[in-house]
C-alpha cells in the first residue's frame, strides 16, 4: 500500500513540474501575422486578418503538452481591395454580423517529420461551424528581445510558423460563380498561414504599458530637411 501511495505522489509531483515548465505566452501581435490565399479566377489572392489575439503554453522538453487558443476578428479581413473585403464580410461569405469571430483551440500535439516540426490538431470554428484541422508547425526557437529605449530590459520571445489547408465549403462558405470556361470563380481550397511570435505574459503587459505611454508623450520634433545638392 505504501508503495502505491509513493508512486501516486511521484506522479502528482511529475505533473506539477511539467505544468510549471510549460511557460505561458501571449501573442506579440507586432511580430505575428495571420494570412490566407485562395485561387480567384486565374490567380491566387492573398489576404490577412489584422485583428487577432491568442495564447499558448509550450515546453521544449515536452512539446506534446502544448496548448493553443486563437481568436480572430473577421471584420478585420483585408485583401487590399475594399469592394472584395466588404463582399467577404457579407452574408455571401463570412456573414460578420452573425459570426464575428474565427477561433482555433488545440486538442493535441504530435511530433512531425523533421527536427522542430509538429502536428497540432485542433477545433477550427468558422461561420458557426466547427471542424477538426491539423496545423503543420515549425518551431523557430526562442530568444531575448530588448525592450525600451535603453535596451536594458529584455523579453523572452518564442516563434512558430504554421500552415494548413481547408475546404471552405466544409464551413458553410459556399458562394461561387461559374466562369465561361466552366471553372469556378473562387477555389474551395484555402491555404492558411500563421506566423506567431509569443512573449511571456509579464513582458507583454510591460510592452503594452510602454506603448500606451509612448502614445501619450509629445511626438518628437520634425527632423530638419536634408541639405540640397
Protein backbone atom coordinates (compact mmCIF):
# COMPACT_ATOMS: atom_id res chain seq x y z
CA UNK A 1 0.00 0.00 0.00
CA UNK A 2 2.81 2.41 0.94
CA UNK A 3 4.46 1.71 -2.42
CA UNK A 4 1.26 2.65 -4.28
CA UNK A 5 0.95 5.85 -2.28
CA UNK A 6 4.58 6.71 -3.06
CA UNK A 7 4.03 6.13 -6.79
CA UNK A 8 0.88 8.27 -6.73
CA UNK A 9 2.71 11.13 -5.02
CA UNK A 10 5.57 10.83 -7.50
CA UNK A 11 3.13 11.02 -10.41
CA UNK A 12 1.45 14.11 -8.95
CA UNK A 13 4.87 15.70 -8.43
CA UNK A 14 5.88 14.95 -12.02
CA UNK A 15 2.69 16.54 -13.36
CA UNK A 16 3.24 19.59 -11.20
CA UNK A 17 6.79 20.01 -12.50
CA UNK A 18 5.80 19.62 -16.16
CA UNK A 19 2.96 22.07 -15.63
CA UNK A 20 5.39 24.66 -14.21
CA UNK A 21 7.89 24.11 -17.04
CA UNK A 22 5.23 24.71 -19.71
CA UNK A 23 5.56 28.50 -19.89
CA UNK A 24 2.54 30.56 -20.93
CA UNK A 25 2.83 33.09 -23.74
CA UNK A 26 0.65 35.72 -25.30
CA UNK A 27 0.78 36.80 -28.95
CA UNK A 28 3.20 39.62 -29.71
CA UNK A 29 0.96 40.97 -32.44
CA UNK A 30 3.58 43.41 -33.73
CA UNK A 31 5.60 40.39 -34.89
CA UNK A 32 2.78 37.99 -35.77
CA UNK A 33 0.68 37.53 -38.89
CA UNK A 34 -2.48 35.59 -39.81
CA UNK A 35 -2.81 35.16 -43.57
CA UNK A 36 -4.53 33.12 -46.25
CA UNK A 37 -4.52 32.60 -50.00
CA UNK A 38 -7.18 31.32 -52.39
CA UNK A 39 -7.37 30.99 -56.16
CA UNK A 40 -9.67 33.67 -57.60
CA UNK A 41 -10.43 33.38 -61.32
CA UNK A 42 -6.90 32.62 -62.65
CA UNK A 43 -4.57 33.82 -59.91
CA UNK A 44 -4.12 33.47 -56.18
CA UNK A 45 -5.42 36.27 -54.00
CA UNK A 46 -3.67 36.73 -50.66
CA UNK A 47 -5.20 38.31 -47.60
CA UNK A 48 -4.84 38.68 -43.88
CA UNK A 49 -6.75 39.28 -40.67
CA UNK A 50 -5.36 42.35 -38.92
CA UNK A 51 -7.14 41.93 -35.59
CA UNK A 52 -6.41 38.73 -33.69
CA UNK A 53 -5.17 37.54 -30.35
CA UNK A 54 -4.12 34.31 -28.73
CA UNK A 55 -2.16 32.47 -26.10
CA UNK A 56 -0.30 29.19 -25.82
CA UNK A 57 1.79 27.10 -23.50
CA UNK A 58 4.99 25.43 -24.62
CA UNK A 59 7.80 23.44 -23.03
CA UNK A 60 10.57 22.41 -25.50
CA UNK A 61 11.26 19.34 -23.34
CA UNK A 62 7.62 18.24 -23.52
CA UNK A 63 6.09 19.73 -26.69
CA UNK A 64 3.17 17.28 -26.74
CA UNK A 65 1.75 19.09 -23.69
CA UNK A 66 1.42 22.39 -25.58
CA UNK A 67 -1.93 24.16 -25.81
CA UNK A 68 -3.04 26.86 -28.24
CA UNK A 69 -6.02 29.21 -28.22
CA UNK A 70 -6.59 31.77 -31.01
CA UNK A 71 -9.40 34.25 -31.72
CA UNK A 72 -9.62 36.23 -34.98
CA UNK A 73 -11.94 39.17 -35.63
CA UNK A 74 -13.44 38.51 -39.07
CA UNK A 75 -14.26 42.20 -39.67
CA UNK A 76 -10.51 42.84 -39.86
CA UNK A 77 -10.15 40.85 -43.10
CA UNK A 78 -8.05 42.62 -45.72
CA UNK A 79 -7.20 41.64 -49.29
CA UNK A 80 -6.10 45.17 -50.22
CA UNK A 81 -9.38 45.72 -52.07
CA UNK A 82 -12.28 47.41 -50.24
CA UNK A 83 -15.02 46.08 -52.51
CA UNK A 84 -13.80 42.49 -52.17
CA UNK A 85 -13.35 42.85 -48.42
CA UNK A 86 -16.94 44.07 -48.00
CA UNK A 87 -18.16 41.13 -50.05
CA UNK A 88 -16.18 38.70 -47.89
CA UNK A 89 -17.75 40.23 -44.77
CA UNK A 90 -21.27 39.92 -46.23
CA UNK A 91 -23.74 37.00 -45.84
CA UNK A 92 -22.38 35.58 -49.12
CA UNK A 93 -19.26 34.57 -47.21
CA UNK A 94 -18.38 35.11 -43.53
CA UNK A 95 -21.58 36.97 -42.53
CA UNK A 96 -19.74 39.06 -39.93
CA UNK A 97 -22.96 40.28 -38.30
CA UNK A 98 -23.85 36.75 -37.20
CA UNK A 99 -20.39 35.17 -36.93
CA UNK A 100 -17.89 37.87 -35.87
CA UNK A 101 -15.01 35.59 -34.90
CA UNK A 102 -12.93 32.65 -36.08
CA UNK A 103 -11.47 30.52 -33.31
CA UNK A 104 -8.95 27.69 -33.01
CA UNK A 105 -8.48 25.58 -29.89
CA UNK A 106 -5.87 22.82 -29.87
CA UNK A 107 -6.75 19.32 -28.70
CA UNK A 108 -3.45 17.50 -29.31
CA UNK A 109 0.18 17.84 -30.38
CA UNK A 110 2.33 15.20 -32.07
CA UNK A 111 5.87 15.11 -33.43
CA UNK A 112 6.14 15.93 -37.12
CA UNK A 113 8.64 14.78 -39.73
CA UNK A 114 11.94 16.50 -39.03
CA UNK A 115 13.53 18.49 -36.25
CA UNK A 116 11.36 21.11 -34.54
CA UNK A 117 8.32 20.12 -36.59
CA UNK A 118 4.95 19.29 -35.03
CA UNK A 119 1.38 18.39 -35.93
CA UNK A 120 -1.11 20.41 -33.91
CA UNK A 121 -4.68 19.12 -34.09
CA UNK A 122 -7.47 21.44 -33.03
CA UNK A 123 -11.04 22.58 -33.47
CA UNK A 124 -11.41 25.37 -36.03
CA UNK A 125 -14.67 27.33 -35.92
CA UNK A 126 -15.64 29.44 -38.94
CA UNK A 127 -19.11 30.75 -39.82
CA UNK A 128 -20.53 28.93 -36.78
CA UNK A 129 -19.24 25.55 -37.95
CA UNK A 130 -16.57 23.64 -36.03
CA UNK A 131 -14.30 21.11 -37.76
CA UNK A 132 -11.03 19.42 -36.75
CA UNK A 133 -7.95 20.58 -38.65
CA UNK A 134 -4.23 19.80 -38.42
CA UNK A 135 -1.60 22.55 -38.44
CA UNK A 136 1.90 21.76 -39.72
CA UNK A 137 4.04 23.73 -37.30
CA UNK A 138 7.71 24.75 -37.38
CA UNK A 139 9.25 25.75 -34.07
CA UNK A 140 11.56 28.67 -34.86
CA UNK A 141 13.30 28.80 -31.48
CA UNK A 142 13.46 31.36 -28.70
CA UNK A 143 15.49 34.45 -27.90
CA UNK A 144 15.60 37.60 -25.78
CA UNK A 145 14.32 40.85 -27.32
CA UNK A 146 15.43 44.25 -25.99
CA UNK A 147 12.62 46.49 -24.71
CA UNK A 148 12.55 50.20 -24.01
CA UNK A 149 14.82 52.98 -25.17
CA UNK A 150 17.81 51.87 -23.14
CA UNK A 151 17.55 48.24 -24.28
CA UNK A 152 18.48 47.01 -20.81
CA UNK A 153 15.13 45.27 -20.26
CA UNK A 154 14.55 42.14 -22.32
CA UNK A 155 11.55 39.96 -23.09
CA UNK A 156 11.54 36.26 -23.83
CA UNK A 157 10.34 35.66 -27.40
CA UNK A 158 9.41 32.32 -28.95
CA UNK A 159 8.47 31.78 -32.58
CA UNK A 160 6.34 29.41 -34.64
CA UNK A 161 5.25 29.19 -38.25
CA UNK A 162 2.16 27.11 -39.13
CA UNK A 163 0.25 26.17 -42.27
CA UNK A 164 -2.87 24.22 -43.11
CA UNK A 165 -5.36 23.85 -45.95
CA UNK A 166 -9.14 23.73 -45.60
CA UNK A 167 -12.16 23.34 -47.87
CA UNK A 168 -14.20 26.46 -47.21
CA UNK A 169 -17.46 24.70 -48.15
CA UNK A 170 -16.98 22.46 -45.09
CA UNK A 171 -17.65 25.60 -43.04
CA UNK A 172 -20.70 26.75 -44.98
CA UNK A 173 -18.86 29.23 -47.21
CA UNK A 174 -20.39 28.05 -50.46
CA UNK A 175 -20.90 31.19 -52.58
CA UNK A 176 -19.47 30.90 -56.09
CA UNK A 177 -19.89 31.72 -59.77
CA UNK A 178 -19.07 29.70 -62.87
CA UNK A 179 -16.71 31.22 -65.45
CA UNK A 180 -17.03 30.90 -69.23
CA UNK A 181 -14.53 28.03 -69.12
CA UNK A 182 -16.69 26.13 -66.66
CA UNK A 183 -14.20 26.71 -63.85
CA UNK A 184 -15.30 28.22 -60.54
CA UNK A 185 -14.59 31.88 -59.83
CA UNK A 186 -13.33 31.08 -56.31
CA UNK A 187 -11.50 27.91 -55.35
CA UNK A 188 -12.89 25.86 -52.49
CA UNK A 189 -9.38 25.20 -51.16
CA UNK A 190 -7.96 27.87 -48.87
CA UNK A 191 -4.36 27.89 -47.64
CA UNK A 192 -3.88 29.35 -44.15
CA UNK A 193 -0.58 30.60 -42.73
CA UNK A 194 0.22 31.74 -39.21
CA UNK A 195 3.48 33.33 -38.13
CA UNK A 196 3.38 33.75 -34.39
CA UNK A 197 5.79 35.42 -32.01
CA UNK A 198 4.96 34.59 -28.43
CA UNK A 199 6.04 36.74 -25.50
CA UNK A 200 5.88 35.83 -21.83
CA UNK A 201 2.80 37.38 -20.19
CA UNK A 202 4.70 39.71 -17.83
CA UNK A 203 6.80 41.19 -20.66
CA UNK A 204 3.72 41.51 -22.86
CA UNK A 205 1.97 43.59 -20.20
CA UNK A 206 5.09 45.76 -19.81
CA UNK A 207 5.21 46.32 -23.55
CA UNK A 208 1.54 47.36 -23.63
CA UNK A 209 2.22 49.88 -20.87
CA UNK A 210 5.26 51.24 -22.72
CA UNK A 211 3.28 51.60 -25.95
CA UNK A 212 0.45 53.41 -24.13
CA UNK A 213 2.98 55.75 -22.54
CA UNK A 214 4.62 56.48 -25.89
CA UNK A 215 1.26 57.43 -27.40
CA UNK A 216 0.68 59.96 -24.61
CA UNK A 217 4.10 61.54 -24.93
CA UNK A 218 4.61 64.53 -27.18
CA UNK A 219 5.85 63.42 -30.62
CA UNK A 220 9.44 64.21 -31.47
CA UNK A 221 10.20 67.40 -33.37
CA UNK A 222 10.13 67.11 -37.11
CA UNK A 223 13.67 66.41 -38.38
CA UNK A 224 15.35 69.14 -40.40
CA UNK A 225 15.18 68.91 -44.16
CA UNK A 226 18.15 67.28 -45.81
CA UNK A 227 20.58 69.75 -47.39
CA UNK A 228 20.08 70.29 -51.09
CA UNK A 229 22.89 69.50 -53.50
